[in-house]
PDB file of N, CA and C in Angstrom:
ATOM      1  N   MET A   1     -21.669  53.400 -17.865  1.00  0.00           N
ATOM      2  CA  MET A   1     -20.503  52.597 -17.549  1.00  0.00           C
ATOM      3  C   MET A   1     -20.035  52.940 -16.138  1.00  0.00           C
ATOM      4  N   GLN A   2     -19.747  51.924 -15.363  1.00  0.00           N
ATOM      5  CA  GLN A   2     -19.257  52.130 -14.005  1.00  0.00           C
ATOM      6  C   GLN A   2     -18.101  51.181 -13.744  1.00  0.00           C
ATOM      7  N   ALA A   3     -17.199  51.617 -12.882  1.00  0.00           N
ATOM      8  CA  ALA A   3     -16.053  50.782 -12.526  1.00  0.00           C
ATOM      9  C   ALA A   3     -16.208  50.269 -11.103  1.00  0.00           C
ATOM     10  N   ILE A   4     -15.896  49.000 -10.925  1.00  0.00           N
ATOM     11  CA  ILE A   4     -15.743  48.445  -9.582  1.00  0.00           C
ATOM     12  C   ILE A   4     -14.270  48.628  -9.264  1.00  0.00           C
ATOM     13  N   THR A   5     -13.975  49.286  -8.155  1.00  0.00           N
ATOM     14  CA  THR A   5     -12.596  49.640  -7.840  1.00  0.00           C
ATOM     15  C   THR A   5     -12.090  48.901  -6.605  1.00  0.00           C
ATOM     16  N   ALA A   6     -10.775  48.869  -6.493  1.00  0.00           N
ATOM     17  CA  ALA A   6     -10.140  48.252  -5.323  1.00  0.00           C
ATOM     18  C   ALA A   6     -10.376  49.141  -4.107  1.00  0.00           C
ATOM     19  N   SER A   7     -10.705  48.529  -2.989  1.00  0.00           N
ATOM     20  CA  SER A   7     -10.931  49.284  -1.756  1.00  0.00           C
ATOM     21  C   SER A   7      -9.666  49.369  -0.908  1.00  0.00           C
ATOM     22  N   LEU A   8      -8.620  48.681  -1.364  1.00  0.00           N
ATOM     23  CA  LEU A   8      -7.335  48.718  -0.665  1.00  0.00           C
ATOM     24  C   LEU A   8      -6.240  48.267  -1.621  1.00  0.00           C
ATOM     25  N   ALA A   9      -5.004  48.492  -1.230  1.00  0.00           N
ATOM     26  CA  ALA A   9      -3.866  48.046  -2.041  1.00  0.00           C
ATOM     27  C   ALA A   9      -3.634  46.562  -1.794  1.00  0.00           C
ATOM     28  N   GLY A  10      -3.296  45.847  -2.845  1.00  0.00           N
ATOM     29  CA  GLY A  10      -3.032  44.423  -2.704  1.00  0.00           C
ATOM     30  C   GLY A  10      -2.778  43.780  -4.049  1.00  0.00           C
ATOM     31  N   MET A  11      -2.763  42.459  -4.053  1.00  0.00           N
ATOM     32  CA  MET A  11      -2.539  41.699  -5.282  1.00  0.00           C
ATOM     33  C   MET A  11      -3.859  41.071  -5.725  1.00  0.00           C
ATOM     34  N   VAL A  12      -4.086  41.070  -7.039  1.00  0.00           N
ATOM     35  CA  VAL A  12      -5.266  40.397  -7.583  1.00  0.00           C
ATOM     36  C   VAL A  12      -5.021  38.897  -7.456  1.00  0.00           C
ATOM     37  N   PHE A  13      -5.774  38.251  -6.578  1.00  0.00           N
ATOM     38  CA  PHE A  13      -5.603  36.828  -6.312  1.00  0.00           C
ATOM     39  C   PHE A  13      -6.388  35.988  -7.312  1.00  0.00           C
ATOM     40  N   LYS A  14      -7.627  36.413  -7.599  1.00  0.00           N
ATOM     41  CA  LYS A  14      -8.469  35.650  -8.526  1.00  0.00           C
ATOM     42  C   LYS A  14      -9.462  36.587  -9.204  1.00  0.00           C
ATOM     43  N   VAL A  15      -9.592  36.439 -10.527  1.00  0.00           N
ATOM     44  CA  VAL A  15     -10.598  37.171 -11.302  1.00  0.00           C
ATOM     45  C   VAL A  15     -11.726  36.188 -11.599  1.00  0.00           C
ATOM     46  N   LEU A  16     -12.941  36.539 -11.195  1.00  0.00           N
ATOM     47  CA  LEU A  16     -14.065  35.609 -11.274  1.00  0.00           C
ATOM     48  C   LEU A  16     -15.046  35.908 -12.408  1.00  0.00           C
ATOM     49  N   VAL A  17     -14.806  36.981 -13.171  1.00  0.00           N
ATOM     50  CA  VAL A  17     -15.689  37.327 -14.291  1.00  0.00           C
ATOM     51  C   VAL A  17     -14.856  37.629 -15.526  1.00  0.00           C
ATOM     52  N   LYS A  18     -15.531  37.638 -16.685  1.00  0.00           N
ATOM     53  CA  LYS A  18     -14.869  37.980 -17.950  1.00  0.00           C
ATOM     54  C   LYS A  18     -15.820  38.853 -18.757  1.00  0.00           C
ATOM     55  N   PRO A  19     -15.305  39.567 -19.765  1.00  0.00           N
ATOM     56  CA  PRO A  19     -16.183  40.400 -20.588  1.00  0.00           C
ATOM     57  C   PRO A  19     -17.355  39.586 -21.143  1.00  0.00           C
ATOM     58  N   GLY A  20     -18.539  40.192 -21.069  1.00  0.00           N
ATOM     59  CA  GLY A  20     -19.754  39.531 -21.534  1.00  0.00           C
ATOM     60  C   GLY A  20     -20.564  38.900 -20.421  1.00  0.00           C
ATOM     61  N   ASP A  21     -19.939  38.650 -19.271  1.00  0.00           N
ATOM     62  CA  ASP A  21     -20.661  38.061 -18.138  1.00  0.00           C
ATOM     63  C   ASP A  21     -21.680  39.054 -17.576  1.00  0.00           C
ATOM     64  N   GLN A  22     -22.802  38.523 -17.111  1.00  0.00           N
ATOM     65  CA  GLN A  22     -23.800  39.315 -16.391  1.00  0.00           C
ATOM     66  C   GLN A  22     -23.455  39.260 -14.903  1.00  0.00           C
ATOM     67  N   VAL A  23     -23.523  40.410 -14.235  1.00  0.00           N
ATOM     68  CA  VAL A  23     -23.279  40.441 -12.788  1.00  0.00           C
ATOM     69  C   VAL A  23     -24.472  41.083 -12.093  1.00  0.00           C
ATOM     70  N   SER A  24     -24.673  40.714 -10.838  1.00  0.00           N
ATOM     71  CA  SER A  24     -25.732  41.303 -10.030  1.00  0.00           C
ATOM     72  C   SER A  24     -25.153  41.818  -8.719  1.00  0.00           C
ATOM     73  N   PRO A  25     -25.899  42.704  -8.050  1.00  0.00           N
ATOM     74  CA  PRO A  25     -25.419  43.235  -6.779  1.00  0.00           C
ATOM     75  C   PRO A  25     -25.104  42.112  -5.789  1.00  0.00           C
ATOM     76  N   GLY A  26     -23.972  42.231  -5.127  1.00  0.00           N
ATOM     77  CA  GLY A  26     -23.554  41.237  -4.142  1.00  0.00           C
ATOM     78  C   GLY A  26     -22.729  40.105  -4.716  1.00  0.00           C
ATOM     79  N   GLN A  27     -22.624  40.037  -6.053  1.00  0.00           N
ATOM     80  CA  GLN A  27     -21.847  38.965  -6.685  1.00  0.00           C
ATOM     81  C   GLN A  27     -20.357  39.282  -6.593  1.00  0.00           C
ATOM     82  N   GLU A  28     -19.581  38.307  -6.140  1.00  0.00           N
ATOM     83  CA  GLU A  28     -18.126  38.480  -6.065  1.00  0.00           C
ATOM     84  C   GLU A  28     -17.548  38.468  -7.478  1.00  0.00           C
ATOM     85  N   VAL A  29     -16.724  39.482  -7.795  1.00  0.00           N
ATOM     86  CA  VAL A  29     -16.150  39.589  -9.140  1.00  0.00           C
ATOM     87  C   VAL A  29     -14.633  39.412  -9.142  1.00  0.00           C
ATOM     88  N   VAL A  30     -13.995  39.796  -8.057  1.00  0.00           N
ATOM     89  CA  VAL A  30     -12.534  39.694  -7.924  1.00  0.00           C
ATOM     90  C   VAL A  30     -12.231  39.369  -6.472  1.00  0.00           C
ATOM     91  N   ARG A  31     -11.134  38.664  -6.248  1.00  0.00           N
ATOM     92  CA  ARG A  31     -10.655  38.440  -4.889  1.00  0.00           C
ATOM     93  C   ARG A  31      -9.242  39.011  -4.812  1.00  0.00           C
ATOM     94  N   LEU A  32      -9.027  39.913  -3.850  1.00  0.00           N
ATOM     95  CA  LEU A  32      -7.712  40.507  -3.630  1.00  0.00           C
ATOM     96  C   LEU A  32      -7.021  39.805  -2.473  1.00  0.00           C
ATOM     97  N   GLU A  33      -5.699  39.882  -2.463  1.00  0.00           N
ATOM     98  CA  GLU A  33      -4.929  39.379  -1.329  1.00  0.00           C
ATOM     99  C   GLU A  33      -4.126  40.545  -0.779  1.00  0.00           C
ATOM    100  N   SER A  34      -4.259  40.762   0.525  1.00  0.00           N
ATOM    101  CA  SER A  34      -3.529  41.832   1.195  1.00  0.00           C
ATOM    102  C   SER A  34      -3.187  41.358   2.599  1.00  0.00           C
ATOM    103  N   MET A  35      -1.952  41.495   2.985  1.00  0.00           N
ATOM    104  CA  MET A  35      -1.479  41.067   4.302  1.00  0.00           C
ATOM    105  C   MET A  35      -1.870  39.611   4.584  1.00  0.00           C
ATOM    106  N   LYS A  36      -1.714  38.746   3.570  1.00  0.00           N
ATOM    107  CA  LYS A  36      -1.992  37.310   3.650  1.00  0.00           C
ATOM    108  C   LYS A  36      -3.457  36.985   3.918  1.00  0.00           C
ATOM    109  N   MET A  37      -4.340  37.960   3.661  1.00  0.00           N
ATOM    110  CA  MET A  37      -5.777  37.725   3.789  1.00  0.00           C
ATOM    111  C   MET A  37      -6.419  37.879   2.418  1.00  0.00           C
ATOM    112  N   GLU A  38      -7.428  37.064   2.139  1.00  0.00           N
ATOM    113  CA  GLU A  38      -8.179  37.192   0.891  1.00  0.00           C
ATOM    114  C   GLU A  38      -9.395  38.082   1.143  1.00  0.00           C
ATOM    115  N   ILE A  39      -9.552  39.090   0.277  1.00  0.00           N
ATOM    116  CA  ILE A  39     -10.644  40.044   0.424  1.00  0.00           C
ATOM    117  C   ILE A  39     -11.536  39.977  -0.811  1.00  0.00           C
ATOM    118  N   PRO A  40     -12.811  39.589  -0.653  1.00  0.00           N
ATOM    119  CA  PRO A  40     -13.713  39.552  -1.806  1.00  0.00           C
ATOM    120  C   PRO A  40     -14.129  40.961  -2.221  1.00  0.00           C
ATOM    121  N   VAL A  41     -14.218  41.181  -3.528  1.00  0.00           N
ATOM    122  CA  VAL A  41     -14.721  42.445  -4.071  1.00  0.00           C
ATOM    123  C   VAL A  41     -16.021  42.107  -4.797  1.00  0.00           C
ATOM    124  N   GLU A  42     -17.107  42.754  -4.376  1.00  0.00           N
ATOM    125  CA  GLU A  42     -18.427  42.449  -4.927  1.00  0.00           C
ATOM    126  C   GLU A  42     -18.943  43.593  -5.780  1.00  0.00           C
ATOM    127  N   SER A  43     -19.770  43.241  -6.751  1.00  0.00           N
ATOM    128  CA  SER A  43     -20.439  44.243  -7.573  1.00  0.00           C
ATOM    129  C   SER A  43     -21.528  44.906  -6.742  1.00  0.00           C
ATOM    130  N   GLU A  44     -21.706  46.207  -6.944  1.00  0.00           N
ATOM    131  CA  GLU A  44     -22.794  46.916  -6.278  1.00  0.00           C
ATOM    132  C   GLU A  44     -23.954  47.155  -7.235  1.00  0.00           C
ATOM    133  N   ILE A  45     -23.747  46.827  -8.524  1.00  0.00           N
ATOM    134  CA  ILE A  45     -24.775  47.084  -9.527  1.00  0.00           C
ATOM    135  C   ILE A  45     -25.024  45.845 -10.377  1.00  0.00           C
ATOM    136  N   GLN A  46     -26.112  45.881 -11.115  1.00  0.00           N
ATOM    137  CA  GLN A  46     -26.409  44.830 -12.087  1.00  0.00           C
ATOM    138  C   GLN A  46     -26.006  45.344 -13.458  1.00  0.00           C
ATOM    139  N   GLY A  47     -25.414  44.480 -14.267  1.00  0.00           N
ATOM    140  CA  GLY A  47     -25.029  44.881 -15.607  1.00  0.00           C
ATOM    141  C   GLY A  47     -24.189  43.829 -16.291  1.00  0.00           C
ATOM    142  N   THR A  48     -23.541  44.253 -17.381  1.00  0.00           N
ATOM    143  CA  THR A  48     -22.708  43.372 -18.192  1.00  0.00           C
ATOM    144  C   THR A  48     -21.257  43.811 -18.085  1.00  0.00           C
ATOM    145  N   VAL A  49     -20.360  42.861 -17.870  1.00  0.00           N
ATOM    146  CA  VAL A  49     -18.927  43.166 -17.787  1.00  0.00           C
ATOM    147  C   VAL A  49     -18.432  43.571 -19.177  1.00  0.00           C
ATOM    148  N   LEU A  50     -17.880  44.780 -19.280  1.00  0.00           N
ATOM    149  CA  LEU A  50     -17.305  45.257 -20.538  1.00  0.00           C
ATOM    150  C   LEU A  50     -15.818  44.950 -20.617  1.00  0.00           C
ATOM    151  N   GLU A  51     -15.133  45.125 -19.485  1.00  0.00           N
ATOM    152  CA  GLU A  51     -13.675  44.994 -19.489  1.00  0.00           C
ATOM    153  C   GLU A  51     -13.196  44.595 -18.101  1.00  0.00           C
ATOM    154  N   VAL A  52     -12.117  43.825 -18.074  1.00  0.00           N
ATOM    155  CA  VAL A  52     -11.432  43.487 -16.826  1.00  0.00           C
ATOM    156  C   VAL A  52      -9.977  43.913 -17.033  1.00  0.00           C
ATOM    157  N   PRO A  53      -9.624  45.147 -16.598  1.00  0.00           N
ATOM    158  CA  PRO A  53      -8.293  45.681 -16.883  1.00  0.00           C
ATOM    159  C   PRO A  53      -7.171  45.121 -16.011  1.00  0.00           C
ATOM    160  N   VAL A  54      -7.472  44.135 -15.165  1.00  0.00           N
ATOM    161  CA  VAL A  54      -6.445  43.520 -14.320  1.00  0.00           C
ATOM    162  C   VAL A  54      -6.419  42.021 -14.577  1.00  0.00           C
ATOM    163  N   LYS A  55      -5.313  41.397 -14.185  1.00  0.00           N
ATOM    164  CA  LYS A  55      -5.215  39.940 -14.279  1.00  0.00           C
ATOM    165  C   LYS A  55      -4.639  39.416 -12.971  1.00  0.00           C
ATOM    166  N   GLU A  56      -4.783  38.126 -12.769  1.00  0.00           N
ATOM    167  CA  GLU A  56      -4.276  37.522 -11.542  1.00  0.00           C
ATOM    168  C   GLU A  56      -2.781  37.776 -11.426  1.00  0.00           C
ATOM    169  N   GLY A  57      -2.350  38.207 -10.240  1.00  0.00           N
ATOM    170  CA  GLY A  57      -0.947  38.509  -9.995  1.00  0.00           C
ATOM    171  C   GLY A  57      -0.621  39.988 -10.077  1.00  0.00           C
ATOM    172  N   ASP A  58      -1.529  40.796 -10.658  1.00  0.00           N
ATOM    173  CA  ASP A  58      -1.307  42.246 -10.736  1.00  0.00           C
ATOM    174  C   ASP A  58      -1.403  42.862  -9.342  1.00  0.00           C
ATOM    175  N   PHE A  59      -0.614  43.907  -9.117  1.00  0.00           N
ATOM    176  CA  PHE A  59      -0.728  44.678  -7.888  1.00  0.00           C
ATOM    177  C   PHE A  59      -1.585  45.901  -8.167  1.00  0.00           C
ATOM    178  N   VAL A  60      -2.506  46.209  -7.270  1.00  0.00           N
ATOM    179  CA  VAL A  60      -3.406  47.345  -7.431  1.00  0.00           C
ATOM    180  C   VAL A  60      -3.354  48.222  -6.189  1.00  0.00           C
ATOM    181  N   ASN A  61      -3.714  49.478  -6.384  1.00  0.00           N
ATOM    182  CA  ASN A  61      -3.806  50.433  -5.291  1.00  0.00           C
ATOM    183  C   ASN A  61      -5.266  50.753  -5.020  1.00  0.00           C
ATOM    184  N   ASP A  62      -5.522  51.325  -3.869  1.00  0.00           N
ATOM    185  CA  ASP A  62      -6.866  51.754  -3.504  1.00  0.00           C
ATOM    186  C   ASP A  62      -7.411  52.664  -4.605  1.00  0.00           C
ATOM    187  N   GLY A  63      -8.586  52.339  -5.123  1.00  0.00           N
ATOM    188  CA  GLY A  63      -9.220  53.161  -6.151  1.00  0.00           C
ATOM    189  C   GLY A  63      -8.964  52.721  -7.578  1.00  0.00           C
ATOM    190  N   ASP A  64      -8.036  51.780  -7.787  1.00  0.00           N
ATOM    191  CA  ASP A  64      -7.768  51.290  -9.145  1.00  0.00           C
ATOM    192  C   ASP A  64      -8.977  50.511  -9.668  1.00  0.00           C
ATOM    193  N   PRO A  65      -9.330  50.691 -10.959  1.00  0.00           N
ATOM    194  CA  PRO A  65     -10.453  49.935 -11.520  1.00  0.00           C
ATOM    195  C   PRO A  65     -10.113  48.457 -11.676  1.00  0.00           C
ATOM    196  N   LEU A  66     -11.043  47.609 -11.276  1.00  0.00           N
ATOM    197  CA  LEU A  66     -10.868  46.159 -11.379  1.00  0.00           C
ATOM    198  C   LEU A  66     -11.758  45.567 -12.467  1.00  0.00           C
ATOM    199  N   VAL A  67     -12.985  46.063 -12.542  1.00  0.00           N
ATOM    200  CA  VAL A  67     -13.963  45.568 -13.519  1.00  0.00           C
ATOM    201  C   VAL A  67     -14.788  46.764 -13.999  1.00  0.00           C
ATOM    202  N   ILE A  68     -14.995  46.859 -15.319  1.00  0.00           N
ATOM    203  CA  ILE A  68     -15.833  47.906 -15.900  1.00  0.00           C
ATOM    204  C   ILE A  68     -17.161  47.260 -16.295  1.00  0.00           C
ATOM    205  N   ILE A  69     -18.260  47.866 -15.830  1.00  0.00           N
ATOM    206  CA  ILE A  69     -19.594  47.300 -16.051  1.00  0.00           C
ATOM    207  C   ILE A  69     -20.486  48.317 -16.760  1.00  0.00           C
ATOM    208  N   GLU A  70     -21.257  47.817 -17.726  1.00  0.00           N
ATOM    209  CA  GLU A  70     -22.284  48.628 -18.374  1.00  0.00           C
ATOM    210  C   GLU A  70     -23.602  48.247 -17.729  1.00  0.00           C
ATOM    211  N   ASP A  71     -24.281  49.247 -17.160  1.00  0.00           N
ATOM    212  CA  ASP A  71     -25.542  48.934 -16.479  1.00  0.00           C
ATOM    213  C   ASP A  71     -26.740  49.193 -17.358  1.00  0.00           C
TER     214      ASP A  71
END
């Protein structure tokens, strides 16, 4: 199990995956908004989404888990 984490503080603008989805390296899974800019968050691994502990509108800090993946 691995977590894709936020690389900066911001608001979750869009969640692009749900539990059960297959993801591959380079696939965008979440889009954050920080300082009026949209920042894509991509998976670095291939696997299955187990959990998405955030929802659109949530505020996150650097290092917070966004998507949990089973590889």
